[in-house]
C-alpha atoms as a PDB file:
ATOM      1  CA  MET A   1      98.778 106.721  80.579  1.00  0.00           C
ATOM      2  CA  SER A   2      96.699 104.651  78.171  1.00  0.00           C
ATOM      3  CA  ASP A   3      99.790 102.947  76.752  1.00  0.00           C
ATOM      4  CA  LEU A   4     101.003 102.156  80.261  1.00  0.00           C
ATOM      5  CA  ILE A   5      97.653 100.622  81.185  1.00  0.00           C
ATOM      6  CA  GLU A   6      97.617  98.564  77.989  1.00  0.00           C
ATOM      7  CA  GLU A   7     101.093  97.216  78.744  1.00  0.00           C
ATOM      8  CA  LEU A   8     100.035  96.327  82.294  1.00  0.00           C
ATOM      9  CA  LEU A   9      96.945  94.502  81.076  1.00  0.00           C
ATOM     10  CA  ALA A  10      99.127  92.687  78.546  1.00  0.00           C
ATOM     11  CA  GLY A  11     101.139  91.212  81.427  1.00  0.00           C
ATOM     12  CA  LYS A  12     104.313  93.284  81.256  1.00  0.00           C
ATOM     13  CA  HIS A  13     105.904  93.392  84.704  1.00  0.00           C
ATOM     14  CA  ARG A  14     107.868  96.539  83.936  1.00  0.00           C
ATOM     15  CA  ALA A  15     104.586  98.372  83.299  1.00  0.00           C
ATOM     16  CA  LEU A  16     103.183  97.005  86.571  1.00  0.00           C
ATOM     17  CA  ALA A  17     106.226  98.301  88.458  1.00  0.00           C
ATOM     18  CA  ARG A  18     105.887 101.737  86.833  1.00  0.00           C
ATOM     19  CA  VAL A  19     102.177 101.927  87.637  1.00  0.00           C
ATOM     20  CA  ILE A  20     102.757 101.077  91.306  1.00  0.00           C
ATOM     21  CA  SER A  21     105.566 103.646  91.459  1.00  0.00           C
ATOM     22  CA  LYS A  22     103.223 106.327  90.119  1.00  0.00           C
ATOM     23  CA  ILE A  23     100.589 105.266  92.638  1.00  0.00           C
ATOM     24  CA  GLU A  24     103.031 105.342  95.538  1.00  0.00           C
ATOM     25  CA  ASP A  25     104.454 108.733  94.535  1.00  0.00           C
ATOM     26  CA  ARG A  26     100.887 110.146  94.282  1.00  0.00           C
ATOM     27  CA  GLY A  27     102.050 112.234  91.372  1.00  0.00           C
ATOM     28  CA  SER A  28     100.021 114.031  88.730  1.00  0.00           C
ATOM     29  CA  GLY A  29      97.583 111.761  86.929  1.00  0.00           C
ATOM     30  CA  TYR A  30      97.664 108.849  89.358  1.00  0.00           C
ATOM     31  CA  ARG A  31      93.938 109.159  90.099  1.00  0.00           C
ATOM     32  CA  GLU A  32      93.040 108.794  86.412  1.00  0.00           C
ATOM     33  CA  LEU A  33      95.381 105.830  86.208  1.00  0.00           C
ATOM     34  CA  VAL A  34      93.710 104.026  89.126  1.00  0.00           C
ATOM     35  CA  SER A  35      90.284 104.843  87.673  1.00  0.00           C
ATOM     36  CA  GLN A  36      91.203 103.067  84.447  1.00  0.00           C
ATOM     37  CA  LEU A  37      92.290  99.998  86.422  1.00  0.00           C
ATOM     38  CA  HIS A  38      89.030  99.634  88.311  1.00  0.00           C
ATOM     39  CA  GLU A  39      86.970  97.853  85.645  1.00  0.00           C
ATOM     40  CA  HIS A  40      89.660  95.154  85.394  1.00  0.00           C
ATOM     41  CA  THR A  41      89.678  94.293  89.120  1.00  0.00           C
ATOM     42  CA  GLY A  42      87.741  91.830  91.270  1.00  0.00           C
ATOM     43  CA  ASN A  43      89.319  88.514  90.285  1.00  0.00           C
ATOM     44  CA  ALA A  44      92.226  88.117  92.722  1.00  0.00           C
ATOM     45  CA  THR A  45      92.038  86.736  96.246  1.00  0.00           C
ATOM     46  CA  VAL A  46      93.548  89.230  98.693  1.00  0.00           C
ATOM     47  CA  VAL A  47      95.003  87.922 101.959  1.00  0.00           C
ATOM     48  CA  GLY A  48      96.292  90.094 104.786  1.00  0.00           C
ATOM     49  CA  ILE A  49      99.014  88.765 107.075  1.00  0.00           C
ATOM     50  CA  THR A  50      99.333  90.649 110.338  1.00  0.00           C
ATOM     51  CA  GLY A  51     100.661  90.135 113.834  1.00  0.00           C
ATOM     52  CA  SER A  52     103.316  91.395 116.191  1.00  0.00           C
ATOM     53  CA  PRO A  53     106.927  92.007 115.096  1.00  0.00           C
ATOM     54  CA  GLY A  54     108.965  88.815 115.267  1.00  0.00           C
ATOM     55  CA  ALA A  55     105.990  86.517 114.743  1.00  0.00           C
ATOM     56  CA  GLY A  56     107.474  85.294 111.447  1.00  0.00           C
ATOM     57  CA  LYS A  57     105.220  87.109 108.981  1.00  0.00           C
ATOM     58  CA  SER A  58     107.841  87.566 106.260  1.00  0.00           C
ATOM     59  CA  THR A  59     108.979  83.945 106.464  1.00  0.00           C
ATOM     60  CA  LEU A  60     105.398  82.716 106.220  1.00  0.00           C
ATOM     61  CA  VAL A  61     104.637  85.003 103.270  1.00  0.00           C
ATOM     62  CA  ASP A  62     107.740  83.649 101.529  1.00  0.00           C
ATOM     63  CA  LYS A  63     106.545  80.064 102.000  1.00  0.00           C
ATOM     64  CA  MET A  64     103.014  80.976 100.942  1.00  0.00           C
ATOM     65  CA  ALA A  65     104.285  82.450  97.676  1.00  0.00           C
ATOM     66  CA  GLU A  66     106.481  79.410  97.075  1.00  0.00           C
ATOM     67  CA  THR A  67     103.578  77.003  97.652  1.00  0.00           C
ATOM     68  CA  TYR A  68     101.211  78.995  95.453  1.00  0.00           C
ATOM     69  CA  ARG A  69     103.754  78.861  92.649  1.00  0.00           C
ATOM     70  CA  GLU A  70     104.055  75.088  93.064  1.00  0.00           C
ATOM     71  CA  ARG A  71     100.299  75.007  92.540  1.00  0.00           C
ATOM     72  CA  GLY A  72     100.676  76.999  89.323  1.00  0.00           C
ATOM     73  CA  GLU A  73      99.227  80.256  90.659  1.00  0.00           C
ATOM     74  CA  THR A  74     100.713  83.721  90.216  1.00  0.00           C
ATOM     75  CA  VAL A  75     101.396  85.869  93.254  1.00  0.00           C
ATOM     76  CA  GLY A  76     101.702  89.546  94.123  1.00  0.00           C
ATOM     77  CA  VAL A  77     103.187  90.514  97.493  1.00  0.00           C
ATOM     78  CA  ILE A  78     103.034  93.948  99.105  1.00  0.00           C
ATOM     79  CA  ALA A  79     105.115  94.257 102.262  1.00  0.00           C
ATOM     80  CA  ILE A  80     104.242  97.315 104.324  1.00  0.00           C
ATOM     81  CA  ASP A  81     107.268  98.693 106.143  1.00  0.00           C
ATOM     82  CA  PRO A  82     107.622 101.502 108.666  1.00  0.00           C
ATOM     83  CA  SER A  83     108.194 104.894 107.086  1.00  0.00           C
ATOM     84  CA  SER A  84     111.484 106.724 107.166  1.00  0.00           C
ATOM     85  CA  PRO A  85     110.995 110.017 109.034  1.00  0.00           C
ATOM     86  CA  PHE A  86     113.323 111.645 106.492  1.00  0.00           C
ATOM     87  CA  SER A  87     112.357 110.321 103.069  1.00  0.00           C
ATOM     88  CA  GLY A  88     108.937 108.835 103.805  1.00  0.00           C
ATOM     89  CA  GLY A  89     110.091 105.605 102.156  1.00  0.00           C
ATOM     90  CA  ALA A  90     110.210 102.066 103.534  1.00  0.00           C
ATOM     91  CA  VAL A  91     113.110 101.474 105.902  1.00  0.00           C
ATOM     92  CA  LEU A  92     113.309  97.673 105.898  1.00  0.00           C
ATOM     93  CA  GLY A  93     114.565  95.393 103.124  1.00  0.00           C
ATOM     94  CA  ASP A  94     111.815  92.813 102.863  1.00  0.00           C
ATOM     95  CA  ARG A  95     113.255  91.407  99.647  1.00  0.00           C
ATOM     96  CA  ILE A  96     116.059  89.926 101.753  1.00  0.00           C
ATOM     97  CA  ARG A  97     113.456  87.962 103.691  1.00  0.00           C
ATOM     98  CA  MET A  98     111.796  86.634 100.515  1.00  0.00           C
ATOM     99  CA  ALA A  99     114.730  84.581  99.309  1.00  0.00           C
ATOM    100  CA  SER A 100     112.817  81.530  98.079  1.00  0.00           C
ATOM    101  CA  ASN A 101     111.194  83.329  95.138  1.00  0.00           C
ATOM    102  CA  VAL A 102     114.053  85.436  93.801  1.00  0.00           C
ATOM    103  CA  GLY A 103     114.105  85.327  90.009  1.00  0.00           C
ATOM    104  CA  ASP A 104     110.546  84.037  89.650  1.00  0.00           C
ATOM    105  CA  MET A 105     108.770  86.575  87.447  1.00  0.00           C
ATOM    106  CA  ASP A 106     105.372  85.213  88.499  1.00  0.00           C
ATOM    107  CA  VAL A 107     106.002  86.407  92.056  1.00  0.00           C
ATOM    108  CA  PHE A 108     105.877  90.190  92.033  1.00  0.00           C
ATOM    109  CA  PHE A 109     107.207  91.673  95.266  1.00  0.00           C
ATOM    110  CA  ARG A 110     106.989  95.277  96.384  1.00  0.00           C
ATOM    111  CA  SER A 111     107.956  96.998  99.638  1.00  0.00           C
ATOM    112  CA  MET A 112     105.792 100.002 100.401  1.00  0.00           C
ATOM    113  CA  SER A 113     105.943 102.598 103.133  1.00  0.00           C
ATOM    114  CA  ALA A 114     103.202 102.882 105.728  1.00  0.00           C
ATOM    115  CA  ARG A 115     103.700 106.667 105.367  1.00  0.00           C
ATOM    116  CA  GLY A 116     102.810 107.237 108.997  1.00  0.00           C
ATOM    117  CA  THR A 117      99.323 105.777 108.647  1.00  0.00           C
ATOM    118  CA  LEU A 118      98.140 104.637 112.076  1.00  0.00           C
ATOM    119  CA  GLY A 119      96.536 101.463 110.746  1.00  0.00           C
ATOM    120  CA  GLY A 120      99.735 100.370 109.091  1.00  0.00           C
ATOM    121  CA  LEU A 121      98.389 100.802 105.552  1.00  0.00           C
ATOM    122  CA  SER A 122      98.286 103.834 103.307  1.00  0.00           C
ATOM    123  CA  THR A 123      95.817 104.700 100.537  1.00  0.00           C
ATOM    124  CA  ALA A 124      98.566 103.879  98.053  1.00  0.00           C
ATOM    125  CA  THR A 125      98.547 100.275  99.260  1.00  0.00           C
ATOM    126  CA  THR A 126      94.878  99.845  98.369  1.00  0.00           C
ATOM    127  CA  ASP A 127      95.527 101.279  94.911  1.00  0.00           C
ATOM    128  CA  ALA A 128      98.577  99.036  94.431  1.00  0.00           C
ATOM    129  CA  VAL A 129      96.397  96.016  95.191  1.00  0.00           C
ATOM    130  CA  LYS A 130      94.091  97.149  92.373  1.00  0.00           C
ATOM    131  CA  ALA A 131      97.066  97.280  90.008  1.00  0.00           C
ATOM    132  CA  LEU A 132      98.109  93.729  90.908  1.00  0.00           C
ATOM    133  CA  ASP A 133      94.508  92.548  90.550  1.00  0.00           C
ATOM    134  CA  ALA A 134      94.101  94.178  87.136  1.00  0.00           C
ATOM    135  CA  PHE A 135      97.448  92.716  86.072  1.00  0.00           C
ATOM    136  CA  GLY A 136      95.974  89.262  86.635  1.00  0.00           C
ATOM    137  CA  LYS A 137      97.698  87.994  89.779  1.00  0.00           C
ATOM    138  CA  ASP A 138      95.765  85.065  91.226  1.00  0.00           C
ATOM    139  CA  ARG A 139      96.796  85.678  94.821  1.00  0.00           C
ATOM    140  CA  ILE A 140      97.724  88.978  96.455  1.00  0.00           C
ATOM    141  CA  ILE A 141      99.347  88.930  99.892  1.00  0.00           C
ATOM    142  CA  ILE A 142      99.695  92.020 102.066  1.00  0.00           C
ATOM    143  CA  GLU A 143     102.145  91.799 104.948  1.00  0.00           C
ATOM    144  CA  THR A 144     101.543  94.557 107.470  1.00  0.00           C
ATOM    145  CA  VAL A 145     104.016  96.440 109.645  1.00  0.00           C
ATOM    146  CA  GLY A 146     103.169  94.585 112.819  1.00  0.00           C
ATOM    147  CA  ALA A 147     102.538  97.660 114.936  1.00  0.00           C
ATOM    148  CA  GLY A 148     100.332  95.929 117.482  1.00  0.00           C
ATOM    149  CA  GLN A 149      97.257  97.984 118.267  1.00  0.00           C
ATOM    150  CA  ASN A 150      97.232  99.785 114.924  1.00  0.00           C
ATOM    151  CA  GLU A 151      96.927  96.799 112.599  1.00  0.00           C
ATOM    152  CA  VAL A 152      93.219  97.060 111.891  1.00  0.00           C
ATOM    153  CA  ASP A 153      93.270  98.922 108.556  1.00  0.00           C
ATOM    154  CA  ILE A 154      94.010  95.633 106.785  1.00  0.00           C
ATOM    155  CA  VAL A 155      90.291  94.772 107.104  1.00  0.00           C
ATOM    156  CA  GLY A 156      89.487  97.456 104.558  1.00  0.00           C
ATOM    157  CA  THR A 157      91.711  95.890 101.906  1.00  0.00           C
ATOM    158  CA  ALA A 158      91.983  92.118 102.393  1.00  0.00           C
ATOM    159  CA  ASP A 159      89.276  89.510 101.791  1.00  0.00           C
ATOM    160  CA  THR A 160      90.778  87.303 104.492  1.00  0.00           C
ATOM    161  CA  VAL A 161      92.876  88.425 107.467  1.00  0.00           C
ATOM    162  CA  ALA A 162      95.287  85.977 109.088  1.00  0.00           C
ATOM    163  CA  VAL A 163      96.773  86.908 112.472  1.00  0.00           C
ATOM    164  CA  LEU A 164     100.108  85.389 113.488  1.00  0.00           C
ATOM    165  CA  VAL A 165     100.838  84.694 117.137  1.00  0.00           C
ATOM    166  CA  PRO A 166     104.226  83.423 118.365  1.00  0.00           C
ATOM    167  CA  PRO A 167     104.119  80.870 121.191  1.00  0.00           C
ATOM    168  CA  SER A 168     104.235  82.068 124.799  1.00  0.00           C
ATOM    169  CA  SER A 169     104.732  85.666 123.747  1.00  0.00           C
ATOM    170  CA  GLY A 170     101.990  87.302 125.736  1.00  0.00           C
ATOM    171  CA  ASP A 171     100.897  88.988 122.513  1.00  0.00           C
ATOM    172  CA  ASP A 172      97.618  87.071 122.543  1.00  0.00           C
ATOM    173  CA  VAL A 173      96.488  89.035 125.598  1.00  0.00           C
ATOM    174  CA  GLN A 174      97.588  92.263 123.956  1.00  0.00           C
ATOM    175  CA  MET A 175      95.647  91.380 120.819  1.00  0.00           C
ATOM    176  CA  LEU A 176      92.420  91.210 122.771  1.00  0.00           C
ATOM    177  CA  LYS A 177      93.049  94.731 124.077  1.00  0.00           C
ATOM    178  CA  ALA A 178      94.022  95.974 120.633  1.00  0.00           C
ATOM    179  CA  GLY A 179      90.949  94.657 118.862  1.00  0.00           C
ATOM    180  CA  ILE A 180      93.040  92.456 116.573  1.00  0.00           C
ATOM    181  CA  LEU A 181      91.112  89.431 117.806  1.00  0.00           C
ATOM    182  CA  GLU A 182      87.993  90.839 116.173  1.00  0.00           C
ATOM    183  CA  ILE A 183      89.577  91.199 112.735  1.00  0.00           C
ATOM    184  CA  GLY A 184      91.083  87.715 112.419  1.00  0.00           C
ATOM    185  CA  ASP A 185      89.471  85.226 110.040  1.00  0.00           C
ATOM    186  CA  VAL A 186      92.274  82.742 110.703  1.00  0.00           C
ATOM    187  CA  PHE A 187      94.719  82.577 113.605  1.00  0.00           C
ATOM    188  CA  ILE A 188      98.168  81.093 113.099  1.00  0.00           C
ATOM    189  CA  VAL A 189     100.371  79.931 115.926  1.00  0.00           C
ATOM    190  CA  ASN A 190     103.686  80.144 114.111  1.00  0.00           C
ATOM    191  CA  LYS A 191     106.920  78.594 115.353  1.00  0.00           C
ATOM    192  CA  ALA A 192     104.717  75.774 116.638  1.00  0.00           C
ATOM    193  CA  ASP A 193     107.796  73.618 117.267  1.00  0.00           C
ATOM    194  CA  LEU A 194     108.753  75.817 120.215  1.00  0.00           C
ATOM    195  CA  ASP A 195     107.735  75.269 123.813  1.00  0.00           C
ATOM    196  CA  GLY A 196     104.499  76.956 124.749  1.00  0.00           C
ATOM    197  CA  ALA A 197     102.733  76.517 121.396  1.00  0.00           C
ATOM    198  CA  ASP A 198     100.037  74.249 122.846  1.00  0.00           C
ATOM    199  CA  ARG A 199      99.343  76.746 125.604  1.00  0.00           C
ATOM    200  CA  THR A 200      99.047  79.590 123.083  1.00  0.00           C
ATOM    201  CA  VAL A 201      96.572  77.566 120.993  1.00  0.00           C
ATOM    202  CA  GLN A 202      94.466  76.953 124.095  1.00  0.00           C
ATOM    203  CA  GLU A 203      94.568  80.620 125.074  1.00  0.00           C
ATOM    204  CA  LEU A 204      93.431  81.633 121.602  1.00  0.00           C
ATOM    205  CA  LYS A 205      90.530  79.185 121.821  1.00  0.00           C
ATOM    206  CA  GLU A 206      89.489  80.691 125.137  1.00  0.00           C
ATOM    207  CA  MET A 207      89.723  84.219 123.722  1.00  0.00           C
ATOM    208  CA  VAL A 208      87.522  83.326 120.753  1.00  0.00           C
ATOM    209  CA  HIS A 209      84.964  81.867 123.167  1.00  0.00           C
ATOM    210  CA  MET A 210      85.148  85.073 125.195  1.00  0.00           C
ATOM    211  CA  ARG A 211      84.374  87.020 122.053  1.00  0.00           C
ATOM    212  CA  ASP A 212      81.400  84.762 121.337  1.00  0.00           C
ATOM    213  CA  ALA A 213      80.069  85.256 124.852  1.00  0.00           C
ATOM    214  CA  SER A 214      80.293  89.042 124.590  1.00  0.00           C
ATOM    215  CA  PRO A 215      77.035  91.018 124.112  1.00  0.00           C
ATOM    216  CA  LEU A 216      78.767  92.581 121.085  1.00  0.00           C
ATOM    217  CA  ALA A 217      79.472  89.226 119.446  1.00  0.00           C
ATOM    218  CA  GLY A 218      78.828  89.445 115.722  1.00  0.00           C
ATOM    219  CA  THR A 219      78.786  93.247 115.687  1.00  0.00           C
ATOM    220  CA  ALA A 220      82.465  94.192 115.711  1.00  0.00           C
ATOM    221  CA  GLY A 221      84.082  91.420 113.727  1.00  0.00           C
ATOM    222  CA  HIS A 222      85.679  91.487 110.329  1.00  0.00           C
ATOM    223  CA  HIS A 223      82.470  90.484 108.558  1.00  0.00           C
ATOM    224  CA  GLY A 224      79.964  91.297 111.271  1.00  0.00           C
ATOM    225  CA  VAL A 225      78.951  87.660 111.866  1.00  0.00           C
ATOM    226  CA  GLU A 226      78.840  85.496 114.932  1.00  0.00           C
ATOM    227  CA  THR A 227      81.200  82.640 115.648  1.00  0.00           C
ATOM    228  CA  ASP A 228      80.902  79.457 117.674  1.00  0.00           C
ATOM    229  CA  ALA A 229      83.434  76.827 118.669  1.00  0.00           C
ATOM    230  CA  VAL A 230      86.884  77.115 117.157  1.00  0.00           C
ATOM    231  CA  GLY A 231      87.217  75.358 113.842  1.00  0.00           C
ATOM    232  CA  GLU A 232      83.473  74.775 113.395  1.00  0.00           C
ATOM    233  CA  GLN A 233      80.844  76.550 111.339  1.00  0.00           C
ATOM    234  CA  ASP A 234      77.106  76.853 111.957  1.00  0.00           C
ATOM    235  CA  GLU A 235      74.707  75.574 109.329  1.00  0.00           C
ATOM    236  CA  ASP A 236      71.049  76.465 108.876  1.00  0.00           C
ATOM    237  CA  ASP A 237      68.281  73.996 108.141  1.00  0.00           C
ATOM    238  CA  ASN A 238      69.234  73.936 104.484  1.00  0.00           C
ATOM    239  CA  GLY A 239      72.833  73.023 105.242  1.00  0.00           C
ATOM    240  CA  ASP A 240      74.170  76.414 104.135  1.00  0.00           C
ATOM    241  CA  ASP A 241      76.994  77.964 106.122  1.00  0.00           C
ATOM    242  CA  GLU A 242      75.717  80.921 108.112  1.00  0.00           C
ATOM    243  CA  THR A 243      78.772  81.858 110.103  1.00  0.00           C
ATOM    244  CA  TRP A 244      82.528  81.554 109.985  1.00  0.00           C
ATOM    245  CA  THR A 245      84.487  80.565 113.059  1.00  0.00           C
ATOM    246  CA  PRO A 246      88.190  81.510 112.926  1.00  0.00           C
ATOM    247  CA  PRO A 247      90.216  78.296 112.834  1.00  0.00           C
ATOM    248  CA  ILE A 248      93.554  78.112 114.636  1.00  0.00           C
ATOM    249  CA  VAL A 249      96.359  76.700 112.497  1.00  0.00           C
ATOM    250  CA  GLU A 250      99.817  75.704 113.693  1.00  0.00           C
ATOM    251  CA  THR A 251     102.777  76.342 111.369  1.00  0.00           C
ATOM    252  CA  VAL A 252     106.545  76.266 111.318  1.00  0.00           C
ATOM    253  CA  ALA A 253     107.099  78.768 108.525  1.00  0.00           C
ATOM    254  CA  LYS A 254     110.846  78.288 108.495  1.00  0.00           C
ATOM    255  CA  THR A 255     110.459  74.690 107.296  1.00  0.00           C
ATOM    256  CA  GLY A 256     107.101  75.112 105.554  1.00  0.00           C
ATOM    257  CA  GLU A 257     105.308  72.804 107.977  1.00  0.00           C
ATOM    258  CA  GLY A 258     101.599  73.602 108.198  1.00  0.00           C
ATOM    259  CA  VAL A 259     101.630  76.013 105.233  1.00  0.00           C
ATOM    260  CA  GLU A 260      99.577  73.721 102.974  1.00  0.00           C
ATOM    261  CA  PRO A 261      96.768  73.305 105.559  1.00  0.00           C
ATOM    262  CA  PHE A 262      96.829  77.066 106.133  1.00  0.00           C
ATOM    263  CA  LEU A 263      96.372  77.779 102.405  1.00  0.00           C
ATOM    264  CA  ASP A 264      93.544  75.248 102.302  1.00  0.00           C
ATOM    265  CA  THR A 265      91.891  77.144 105.153  1.00  0.00           C
ATOM    266  CA  LEU A 266      92.141  80.331 103.098  1.00  0.00           C
ATOM    267  CA  VAL A 267      90.381  78.549 100.226  1.00  0.00           C
ATOM    268  CA  ASP A 268      87.631  77.445 102.634  1.00  0.00           C
ATOM    269  CA  HIS A 269      87.152  80.995 103.858  1.00  0.00           C
ATOM    270  CA  ARG A 270      86.934  82.334 100.320  1.00  0.00           C
ATOM    271  CA  ALA A 271      84.309  79.705  99.490  1.00  0.00           C
ATOM    272  CA  TRP A 272      82.335  80.707 102.585  1.00  0.00           C
ATOM    273  CA  LEU A 273      82.540  84.393 101.646  1.00  0.00           C
ATOM    274  CA  GLU A 274      81.106  83.650  98.215  1.00  0.00           C
ATOM    275  CA  ALA A 275      78.416  81.217  99.395  1.00  0.00           C
ATOM    276  CA  SER A 276      77.211  83.429 102.243  1.00  0.00           C
ATOM    277  CA  GLY A 277      77.119  86.631 100.192  1.00  0.00           C
ATOM    278  CA  GLU A 278      79.655  88.208 102.533  1.00  0.00           C
ATOM    279  CA  LEU A 279      82.128  88.788  99.696  1.00  0.00           C
ATOM    280  CA  ASN A 280      79.759  91.181  97.920  1.00  0.00           C
ATOM    281  CA  ALA A 281      78.760  92.860 101.192  1.00  0.00           C
ATOM    282  CA  GLN A 282      82.419  93.224 102.101  1.00  0.00           C
ATOM    283  CA  ARG A 283      83.238  94.868  98.779  1.00  0.00           C
ATOM    284  CA  ARG A 284      80.322  97.284  99.073  1.00  0.00           C
ATOM    285  CA  ASP A 285      81.531  98.343 102.518  1.00  0.00           C
ATOM    286  CA  ARG A 286      85.053  98.666 101.153  1.00  0.00           C
ATOM    287  CA  TYR A 287      84.018 100.941  98.289  1.00  0.00           C
ATOM    288  CA  GLU A 288      81.901 103.065 100.618  1.00  0.00           C
ATOM    289  CA  GLU A 289      84.843 103.581 102.956  1.00  0.00           C
ATOM    290  CA  GLU A 290      87.157 104.269 100.002  1.00  0.00           C
ATOM    291  CA  ILE A 291      84.829 107.039  98.808  1.00  0.00           C
ATOM    292  CA  ARG A 292      84.823 108.536 102.301  1.00  0.00           C
ATOM    293  CA  ARG A 293      88.602 108.370 102.475  1.00  0.00           C
ATOM    294  CA  LEU A 294      89.053 110.001  99.081  1.00  0.00           C
ATOM    295  CA  LEU A 295      86.568 112.706 100.038  1.00  0.00           C
ATOM    296  CA  ARG A 296      88.591 113.433 103.166  1.00  0.00           C
ATOM    297  CA  GLU A 297      91.777 113.624 101.108  1.00  0.00           C
ATOM    298  CA  GLY A 298      90.176 115.896  98.513  1.00  0.00           C
ATOM    299  CA  ALA A 299      88.627 118.169 101.116  1.00  0.00           C
ATOM    300  CA  GLY A 300      91.947 118.367 102.930  1.00  0.00           C
ATOM    301  CA  GLU A 301      93.651 119.429  99.728  1.00  0.00           C
ATOM    302  CA  LEU A 302      91.052 122.166  99.147  1.00  0.00           C
ATOM    303  CA  ILE A 303      91.594 123.463 102.669  1.00  0.00           C
ATOM    304  CA  ARG A 304      95.374 123.470 102.219  1.00  0.00           C
ATOM    305  CA  GLU A 305      94.961 125.489  99.028  1.00  0.00           C
ATOM    306  CA  GLU A 306      92.701 127.977 100.818  1.00  0.00           C
ATOM    307  CA  ILE A 307      95.225 128.361 103.628  1.00  0.00           C
ATOM    308  CA  GLU A 308      98.016 129.013 101.152  1.00  0.00           C
ATOM    309  CA  ARG A 309      95.808 131.530  99.312  1.00  0.00           C
ATOM    310  CA  GLN A 310      95.390 133.411 102.551  1.00  0.00           C
ATOM    311  CA  GLY A 311      99.114 133.487 103.242  1.00  0.00           C
ATOM    312  CA  GLY A 312      99.623 130.378 105.330  1.00  0.00           C
ATOM    313  CA  LEU A 313      99.028 129.602 108.989  1.00  0.00           C
ATOM    314  CA  GLU A 314     101.753 131.734 110.549  1.00  0.00           C
ATOM    315  CA  ARG A 315      99.617 134.813 111.198  1.00  0.00           C
ATOM    316  CA  TYR A 316      96.851 132.665 112.680  1.00  0.00           C
ATOM    317  CA  VAL A 317      99.331 130.957 114.982  1.00  0.00           C
ATOM    318  CA  ASP A 318     100.695 134.343 116.043  1.00  0.00           C
ATOM    319  CA  ALA A 319      97.166 135.482 116.886  1.00  0.00           C
ATOM    320  CA  ILE A 320      96.492 132.322 118.893  1.00  0.00           C
ATOM    321  CA  VAL A 321      99.734 132.708 120.856  1.00  0.00           C
ATOM    322  CA  ALA A 322      98.775 136.342 121.588  1.00  0.00           C
ATOM    323  CA  LYS A 323      95.377 135.084 122.867  1.00  0.00           C
ATOM    324  CA  GLU A 324      93.601 137.178 120.230  1.00  0.00           C
ATOM    325  CA  THR A 325      91.783 134.101 118.944  1.00  0.00           C
ATOM    326  CA  ASP A 326      91.770 130.328 119.420  1.00  0.00           C
ATOM    327  CA  PRO A 327      92.225 127.211 117.223  1.00  0.00           C
ATOM    328  CA  TYR A 328      88.471 126.578 116.958  1.00  0.00           C
ATOM    329  CA  ALA A 329      87.753 130.100 115.751  1.00  0.00           C
ATOM    330  CA  VAL A 330      90.583 129.910 113.214  1.00  0.00           C
ATOM    331  CA  THR A 331      89.295 126.584 111.923  1.00  0.00           C
ATOM    332  CA  GLU A 332      85.791 127.995 111.489  1.00  0.00           C
ATOM    333  CA  GLU A 333      87.146 130.994 109.604  1.00  0.00           C
ATOM    334  CA  LEU A 334      89.168 128.814 107.223  1.00  0.00           C
ATOM    335  CA  LEU A 335      86.306 126.391 106.625  1.00  0.00           C
ATOM    336  CA  ALA A 336      83.741 129.117 105.980  1.00  0.00           C
ATOM    337  CA  PRO A 337      84.434 129.534 102.213  1.00  0.00           C
ATOM    338  CA  LEU A 338      84.300 125.764 101.642  1.00  0.00           C
ATOM    339  CA  ARG A 339      81.112 125.418 103.673  1.00  0.00           C
ATOM    340  CA  GLU A 340      79.441 128.265 101.793  1.00  0.00           C
ATOM    341  CA  SER A 341      80.408 126.771  98.432  1.00  0.00           C
ATOM    342  CA  VAL A 342      79.001 123.377  99.366  1.00  0.00           C
ATOM    343  CA  ARG A 343      75.729 124.895 100.556  1.00  0.00           C
ATOM    344  CA  GLU A 344      75.370 126.917  97.359  1.00  0.00           C
END
């Protein structure tokens, strides 16, 4: 493990690939491996790209990576794909959709399975981001599944979340219902050369204003701050930025049009995060939630071991079917040893 970490920190891509494979497989020793990576993280900018299927996420990510490389920056891309119900692996071939950067060793691409996670991201994704960060990638891009209402987990991993909306798709209305509007730091109307793009931009502006007018404004957003008019930021008496208003950017990812202004917007958001102190607050929240998640995983594993020790669930299920007990009573019985141990 130590040799593998040393090779990763020395910039060897093969070691990076092996580390991410170990993380994704969740095999023996992966926790110690991720622990060793932690002290070397915190330098990369992590951007999440989400939106409905067909919005052009993969094409945009491809152009983003290409533009970053033209600027001399290194890039790591994690594309989250739906899980195979048979193998648990990713079922789509994202590498096919990333044609512009084939052969460039400074663009590291990895498809990862969502593994049935409702939010579209798995714990392995968060750990893989740490590996790319420790490796020294300047920019890390996460492309989510695009599962509509379940795309909110990206907030717990990315510094900036960009939401893609295709023109005249009706998805903007669905986003408001799904809560995706609240997580967006930047909104992108992709395929802006198509009819209906102007209308979609206007609808997004109206939706952001609706969010601002809500009694919950500033309480449910990505960073828990209020927003005002689209594309503008509030300043206090000292001229310091207090809030971030999600700008709406128009792109044609297929040709690369609008990608440069979009990347500049990401730089602006990063600068705001640092100046406002939100970056540190965001990371604290992220680590707190990560601890909670790992505790849930660890507790679940302890319970599974206890169930196996007692011979599995079959006899409990038989008793429930026979109306001799019920699921709540069974759960209490199985949790009792763990609860007693914790109290002691």
